[in-house]
Amino acid sequence: MYFLHMRSALIETAASFDRIQLADDVEAVWKESQLEDLRQAATILAGDEPDRAARILHLLSVPAGEDA
């Protein structure tokens, strides 16, 4: 059960990165800090260290008082 759900989530994430790469102004899009955070999250996900979810949540959380 988990495999199919995780497989679906990974494919959807990969497809989202592909759509961004196909954007007209791909250079500007790839330089955005939020996209860099997503790249770092993918690195965390692929690693062997524990607490992946907590580390990704911390990485992608918006500090209080800031806009997303």
PDB file of N, CA and C in Angstrom:
ATOM      1  N   MET A   1       0.820  -1.197   0.000  1.00  0.00           N
ATOM      2  CA  MET A   1       0.000   0.000   0.000  1.00  0.00           C
ATOM      3  C   MET A   1       0.863   1.260   0.000  1.00  0.00           C
ATOM      4  N   TYR A   2       1.858   1.298   0.873  1.00  0.00           N
ATOM      5  CA  TYR A   2       2.705   2.488   0.947  1.00  0.00           C
ATOM      6  C   TYR A   2       3.463   2.719  -0.354  1.00  0.00           C
ATOM      7  N   PHE A   3       3.902   1.648  -0.981  1.00  0.00           N
ATOM      8  CA  PHE A   3       4.687   1.787  -2.198  1.00  0.00           C
ATOM      9  C   PHE A   3       3.927   2.566  -3.264  1.00  0.00           C
ATOM     10  N   LEU A   4       2.679   2.208  -3.507  1.00  0.00           N
ATOM     11  CA  LEU A   4       1.912   2.872  -4.565  1.00  0.00           C
ATOM     12  C   LEU A   4       1.668   4.340  -4.245  1.00  0.00           C
ATOM     13  N   HIS A   5       1.387   4.641  -2.999  1.00  0.00           N
ATOM     14  CA  HIS A   5       1.176   6.040  -2.614  1.00  0.00           C
ATOM     15  C   HIS A   5       2.469   6.843  -2.763  1.00  0.00           C
ATOM     16  N   MET A   6       3.570   6.304  -2.277  1.00  0.00           N
ATOM     17  CA  MET A   6       4.852   6.995  -2.372  1.00  0.00           C
ATOM     18  C   MET A   6       5.289   7.136  -3.824  1.00  0.00           C
ATOM     19  N   ARG A   7       5.059   6.089  -4.610  1.00  0.00           N
ATOM     20  CA  ARG A   7       5.382   6.126  -6.043  1.00  0.00           C
ATOM     21  C   ARG A   7       4.628   7.259  -6.718  1.00  0.00           C
ATOM     22  N   SER A   8       3.352   7.373  -6.436  1.00  0.00           N
ATOM     23  CA  SER A   8       2.524   8.426  -7.020  1.00  0.00           C
ATOM     24  C   SER A   8       3.031   9.815  -6.627  1.00  0.00           C
ATOM     25  N   ALA A   9       3.351   9.987  -5.352  1.00  0.00           N
ATOM     26  CA  ALA A   9       3.840  11.283  -4.880  1.00  0.00           C
ATOM     27  C   ALA A   9       5.165  11.658  -5.535  1.00  0.00           C
ATOM     28  N   LEU A  10       6.060  10.690  -5.682  1.00  0.00           N
ATOM     29  CA  LEU A  10       7.347  10.962  -6.312  1.00  0.00           C
ATOM     30  C   LEU A  10       7.200  11.304  -7.793  1.00  0.00           C
ATOM     31  N   ILE A  11       6.323  10.589  -8.489  1.00  0.00           N
ATOM     32  CA  ILE A  11       6.102  10.873  -9.909  1.00  0.00           C
ATOM     33  C   ILE A  11       5.498  12.263 -10.081  1.00  0.00           C
ATOM     34  N   GLU A  12       4.547  12.624  -9.231  1.00  0.00           N
ATOM     35  CA  GLU A  12       3.937  13.954  -9.307  1.00  0.00           C
ATOM     36  C   GLU A  12       4.966  15.041  -9.020  1.00  0.00           C
ATOM     37  N   THR A  13       5.835  14.812  -8.057  1.00  0.00           N
ATOM     38  CA  THR A  13       6.888  15.780  -7.747  1.00  0.00           C
ATOM     39  C   THR A  13       7.849  15.922  -8.918  1.00  0.00           C
ATOM     40  N   ALA A  14       8.252  14.810  -9.507  1.00  0.00           N
ATOM     41  CA  ALA A  14       9.142  14.853 -10.671  1.00  0.00           C
ATOM     42  C   ALA A  14       8.484  15.587 -11.834  1.00  0.00           C
ATOM     43  N   ALA A  15       7.203  15.348 -12.040  1.00  0.00           N
ATOM     44  CA  ALA A  15       6.480  16.030 -13.116  1.00  0.00           C
ATOM     45  C   ALA A  15       6.424  17.536 -12.861  1.00  0.00           C
ATOM     46  N   SER A  16       6.274  17.934 -11.616  1.00  0.00           N
ATOM     47  CA  SER A  16       6.257  19.370 -11.287  1.00  0.00           C
ATOM     48  C   SER A  16       7.598  20.017 -11.602  1.00  0.00           C
ATOM     49  N   PHE A  17       8.692  19.348 -11.246  1.00  0.00           N
ATOM     50  CA  PHE A  17      10.016  19.870 -11.591  1.00  0.00           C
ATOM     51  C   PHE A  17      10.180  19.959 -13.114  1.00  0.00           C
ATOM     52  N   ASP A  18       9.680  18.962 -13.835  1.00  0.00           N
ATOM     53  CA  ASP A  18       9.758  18.992 -15.304  1.00  0.00           C
ATOM     54  C   ASP A  18       8.993  20.180 -15.876  1.00  0.00           C
ATOM     55  N   ARG A  19       7.794  20.455 -15.325  1.00  0.00           N
ATOM     56  CA  ARG A  19       7.003  21.596 -15.817  1.00  0.00           C
ATOM     57  C   ARG A  19       7.722  22.911 -15.559  1.00  0.00           C
ATOM     58  N   ILE A  20       8.365  23.025 -14.416  1.00  0.00           N
ATOM     59  CA  ILE A  20       9.126  24.244 -14.117  1.00  0.00           C
ATOM     60  C   ILE A  20      10.276  24.390 -15.105  1.00  0.00           C
ATOM     61  N   GLN A  21      10.944  23.293 -15.393  1.00  0.00           N
ATOM     62  CA  GLN A  21      12.075  23.328 -16.322  1.00  0.00           C
ATOM     63  C   GLN A  21      11.639  23.749 -17.718  1.00  0.00           C
ATOM     64  N   LEU A  22      10.408  23.452 -18.087  1.00  0.00           N
ATOM     65  CA  LEU A  22       9.897  23.810 -19.408  1.00  0.00           C
ATOM     66  C   LEU A  22       9.327  25.230 -19.468  1.00  0.00           C
ATOM     67  N   ALA A  23       9.354  25.939 -18.347  1.00  0.00           N
ATOM     68  CA  ALA A  23       8.823  27.302 -18.303  1.00  0.00           C
ATOM     69  C   ALA A  23       9.606  28.207 -19.255  1.00  0.00           C
ATOM     70  N   ASP A  24       8.948  29.252 -19.735  1.00  0.00           N
ATOM     71  CA  ASP A  24       9.577  30.179 -20.677  1.00  0.00           C
ATOM     72  C   ASP A  24      10.840  30.819 -20.104  1.00  0.00           C
ATOM     73  N   ASP A  25      10.779  31.250 -18.852  1.00  0.00           N
ATOM     74  CA  ASP A  25      11.913  31.925 -18.224  1.00  0.00           C
ATOM     75  C   ASP A  25      12.534  30.994 -17.183  1.00  0.00           C
ATOM     76  N   VAL A  26      13.001  29.847 -17.639  1.00  0.00           N
ATOM     77  CA  VAL A  26      13.473  28.803 -16.742  1.00  0.00           C
ATOM     78  C   VAL A  26      14.622  29.277 -15.853  1.00  0.00           C
ATOM     79  N   GLU A  27      15.494  30.114 -16.356  1.00  0.00           N
ATOM     80  CA  GLU A  27      16.629  30.577 -15.552  1.00  0.00           C
ATOM     81  C   GLU A  27      16.160  31.356 -14.326  1.00  0.00           C
ATOM     82  N   ALA A  28      15.194  32.238 -14.507  1.00  0.00           N
ATOM     83  CA  ALA A  28      14.683  33.023 -13.387  1.00  0.00           C
ATOM     84  C   ALA A  28      13.954  32.126 -12.388  1.00  0.00           C
ATOM     85  N   VAL A  29      13.207  31.173 -12.891  1.00  0.00           N
ATOM     86  CA  VAL A  29      12.437  30.287 -12.017  1.00  0.00           C
ATOM     87  C   VAL A  29      13.369  29.430 -11.171  1.00  0.00           C
ATOM     88  N   TRP A  30      14.393  28.865 -11.788  1.00  0.00           N
ATOM     89  CA  TRP A  30      15.295  27.975 -11.052  1.00  0.00           C
ATOM     90  C   TRP A  30      16.119  28.708 -10.010  1.00  0.00           C
ATOM     91  N   LYS A  31      16.221  30.014 -10.096  1.00  0.00           N
ATOM     92  CA  LYS A  31      17.013  30.762  -9.128  1.00  0.00           C
ATOM     93  C   LYS A  31      16.204  31.150  -7.894  1.00  0.00           C
ATOM     94  N   GLU A  32      14.907  30.956  -7.924  1.00  0.00           N
ATOM     95  CA  GLU A  32      14.077  31.334  -6.792  1.00  0.00           C
ATOM     96  C   GLU A  32      14.453  30.509  -5.559  1.00  0.00           C
ATOM     97  N   SER A  33      14.470  31.170  -4.415  1.00  0.00           N
ATOM     98  CA  SER A  33      14.899  30.494  -3.181  1.00  0.00           C
ATOM     99  C   SER A  33      13.961  29.358  -2.797  1.00  0.00           C
ATOM    100  N   GLN A  34      12.675  29.484  -3.080  1.00  0.00           N
ATOM    101  CA  GLN A  34      11.753  28.403  -2.738  1.00  0.00           C
ATOM    102  C   GLN A  34      12.047  27.151  -3.547  1.00  0.00           C
ATOM    103  N   LEU A  35      12.440  27.313  -4.783  1.00  0.00           N
ATOM    104  CA  LEU A  35      12.785  26.159  -5.601  1.00  0.00           C
ATOM    105  C   LEU A  35      14.065  25.507  -5.083  1.00  0.00           C
ATOM    106  N   GLU A  36      15.002  26.323  -4.643  1.00  0.00           N
ATOM    107  CA  GLU A  36      16.226  25.777  -4.057  1.00  0.00           C
ATOM    108  C   GLU A  36      15.896  24.994  -2.792  1.00  0.00           C
ATOM    109  N   ASP A  37      14.944  25.491  -2.013  1.00  0.00           N
ATOM    110  CA  ASP A  37      14.515  24.759  -0.819  1.00  0.00           C
ATOM    111  C   ASP A  37      13.931  23.398  -1.203  1.00  0.00           C
ATOM    112  N   LEU A  38      13.177  23.343  -2.295  1.00  0.00           N
ATOM    113  CA  LEU A  38      12.615  22.065  -2.742  1.00  0.00           C
ATOM    114  C   LEU A  38      13.720  21.103  -3.179  1.00  0.00           C
ATOM    115  N   ARG A  39      14.750  21.642  -3.800  1.00  0.00           N
ATOM    116  CA  ARG A  39      15.887  20.793  -4.185  1.00  0.00           C
ATOM    117  C   ARG A  39      16.568  20.220  -2.944  1.00  0.00           C
ATOM    118  N   GLN A  40      16.735  21.063  -1.919  1.00  0.00           N
ATOM    119  CA  GLN A  40      17.338  20.593  -0.676  1.00  0.00           C
ATOM    120  C   GLN A  40      16.450  19.546  -0.010  1.00  0.00           C
ATOM    121  N   ALA A  41      15.135  19.733  -0.099  1.00  0.00           N
ATOM    122  CA  ALA A  41      14.200  18.751   0.462  1.00  0.00           C
ATOM    123  C   ALA A  41      14.349  17.406  -0.246  1.00  0.00           C
ATOM    124  N   ALA A  42      14.537  17.434  -1.557  1.00  0.00           N
ATOM    125  CA  ALA A  42      14.732  16.191  -2.306  1.00  0.00           C
ATOM    126  C   ALA A  42      16.007  15.488  -1.859  1.00  0.00           C
ATOM    127  N   THR A  43      17.033  16.249  -1.557  1.00  0.00           N
ATOM    128  CA  THR A  43      18.284  15.672  -1.063  1.00  0.00           C
ATOM    129  C   THR A  43      18.066  15.020   0.303  1.00  0.00           C
ATOM    130  N   ILE A  44      17.322  15.699   1.165  1.00  0.00           N
ATOM    131  CA  ILE A  44      16.999  15.132   2.478  1.00  0.00           C
ATOM    132  C   ILE A  44      16.223  13.827   2.296  1.00  0.00           C
ATOM    133  N   LEU A  45      15.243  13.854   1.410  1.00  0.00           N
ATOM    134  CA  LEU A  45      14.405  12.684   1.165  1.00  0.00           C
ATOM    135  C   LEU A  45      15.236  11.486   0.699  1.00  0.00           C
ATOM    136  N   ALA A  46      16.197  11.733  -0.141  1.00  0.00           N
ATOM    137  CA  ALA A  46      17.011  10.652  -0.698  1.00  0.00           C
ATOM    138  C   ALA A  46      18.084  10.155   0.268  1.00  0.00           C
ATOM    139  N   GLY A  47      18.319  10.896   1.340  1.00  0.00           N
ATOM    140  CA  GLY A  47      19.373  10.521   2.281  1.00  0.00           C
ATOM    141  C   GLY A  47      18.971   9.399   3.211  1.00  0.00           C
ATOM    142  N   ASP A  48      19.925   8.982   4.030  1.00  0.00           N
ATOM    143  CA  ASP A  48      19.715   7.886   4.978  1.00  0.00           C
ATOM    144  C   ASP A  48      19.512   8.359   6.415  1.00  0.00           C
ATOM    145  N   GLU A  49      19.579   9.655   6.639  1.00  0.00           N
ATOM    146  CA  GLU A  49      19.425  10.186   7.987  1.00  0.00           C
ATOM    147  C   GLU A  49      17.962  10.078   8.434  1.00  0.00           C
ATOM    148  N   PRO A  50      17.733   9.861   9.735  1.00  0.00           N
ATOM    149  CA  PRO A  50      16.352   9.756  10.228  1.00  0.00           C
ATOM    150  C   PRO A  50      15.666  11.128  10.288  1.00  0.00           C
ATOM    151  N   ASP A  51      14.397  11.108  10.632  1.00  0.00           N
ATOM    152  CA  ASP A  51      13.583  12.321  10.813  1.00  0.00           C
ATOM    153  C   ASP A  51      13.478  13.158   9.548  1.00  0.00           C
ATOM    154  N   ARG A  52      13.337  12.510   8.404  1.00  0.00           N
ATOM    155  CA  ARG A  52      13.235  13.231   7.131  1.00  0.00           C
ATOM    156  C   ARG A  52      12.065  14.211   7.134  1.00  0.00           C
ATOM    157  N   ALA A  53      10.912  13.738   7.591  1.00  0.00           N
ATOM    158  CA  ALA A  53       9.717  14.587   7.558  1.00  0.00           C
ATOM    159  C   ALA A  53       9.923  15.849   8.395  1.00  0.00           C
ATOM    160  N   ALA A  54      10.460  15.709   9.575  1.00  0.00           N
ATOM    161  CA  ALA A  54      10.679  16.869  10.449  1.00  0.00           C
ATOM    162  C   ALA A  54      11.684  17.839   9.838  1.00  0.00           C
ATOM    163  N   ARG A  55      12.746  17.302   9.250  1.00  0.00           N
ATOM    164  CA  ARG A  55      13.763  18.179   8.649  1.00  0.00           C
ATOM    165  C   ARG A  55      13.223  18.899   7.423  1.00  0.00           C
ATOM    166  N   ILE A  56      12.423  18.215   6.613  1.00  0.00           N
ATOM    167  CA  ILE A  56      11.835  18.861   5.438  1.00  0.00           C
ATOM    168  C   ILE A  56      10.807  19.903   5.876  1.00  0.00           C
ATOM    169  N   LEU A  57       9.993  19.564   6.872  1.00  0.00           N
ATOM    170  CA  LEU A  57       9.015  20.529   7.380  1.00  0.00           C
ATOM    171  C   LEU A  57       9.715  21.785   7.885  1.00  0.00           C
ATOM    172  N   HIS A  58      10.794  21.606   8.622  1.00  0.00           N
ATOM    173  CA  HIS A  58      11.551  22.756   9.126  1.00  0.00           C
ATOM    174  C   HIS A  58      12.126  23.582   7.974  1.00  0.00           C
ATOM    175  N   LEU A  59      12.682  22.921   6.983  1.00  0.00           N
ATOM    176  CA  LEU A  59      13.267  23.599   5.826  1.00  0.00           C
ATOM    177  C   LEU A  59      12.230  24.421   5.067  1.00  0.00           C
ATOM    178  N   LEU A  60      11.039  23.862   4.897  1.00  0.00           N
ATOM    179  CA  LEU A  60      10.027  24.500   4.053  1.00  0.00           C
ATOM    180  C   LEU A  60       9.047  25.373   4.827  1.00  0.00           C
ATOM    181  N   SER A  61       9.213  25.467   6.136  1.00  0.00           N
ATOM    182  CA  SER A  61       8.313  26.301   6.937  1.00  0.00           C
ATOM    183  C   SER A  61       8.628  27.774   6.726  1.00  0.00           C
ATOM    184  N   VAL A  62       7.573  28.568   6.716  1.00  0.00           N
ATOM    185  CA  VAL A  62       7.713  30.014   6.563  1.00  0.00           C
ATOM    186  C   VAL A  62       7.748  30.619   7.967  1.00  0.00           C
ATOM    187  N   PRO A  63       8.795  31.367   8.297  1.00  0.00           N
ATOM    188  CA  PRO A  63       8.867  31.985   9.634  1.00  0.00           C
ATOM    189  C   PRO A  63       7.650  32.886   9.892  1.00  0.00           C
ATOM    190  N   ALA A  64       7.245  32.973  11.127  1.00  0.00           N
ATOM    191  CA  ALA A  64       6.100  33.801  11.518  1.00  0.00           C
ATOM    192  C   ALA A  64       6.322  35.238  11.063  1.00  0.00           C
ATOM    193  N   GLY A  65       5.284  35.826  10.506  1.00  0.00           N
ATOM    194  CA  GLY A  65       5.353  37.212  10.052  1.00  0.00           C
ATOM    195  C   GLY A  65       5.810  37.377   8.620  1.00  0.00           C
ATOM    196  N   GLU A  66       6.199  36.301   7.963  1.00  0.00           N
ATOM    197  CA  GLU A  66       6.631  36.382   6.560  1.00  0.00           C
ATOM    198  C   GLU A  66       5.567  35.790   5.656  1.00  0.00           C
ATOM    199  N   ASP A  67       5.492  36.291   4.429  1.00  0.00           N
ATOM    200  CA  ASP A  67       4.573  35.755   3.448  1.00  0.00           C
ATOM    201  C   ASP A  67       5.208  34.557   2.742  1.00  0.00           C
ATOM    202  N   ALA A  68       4.375  33.618   2.341  1.00  0.00           N
ATOM    203  CA  ALA A  68       4.871  32.440   1.631  1.00  0.00           C
ATOM    204  C   ALA A  68       5.235  32.763   0.218  1.00  0.00           C
TER     205      ALA A  68
END
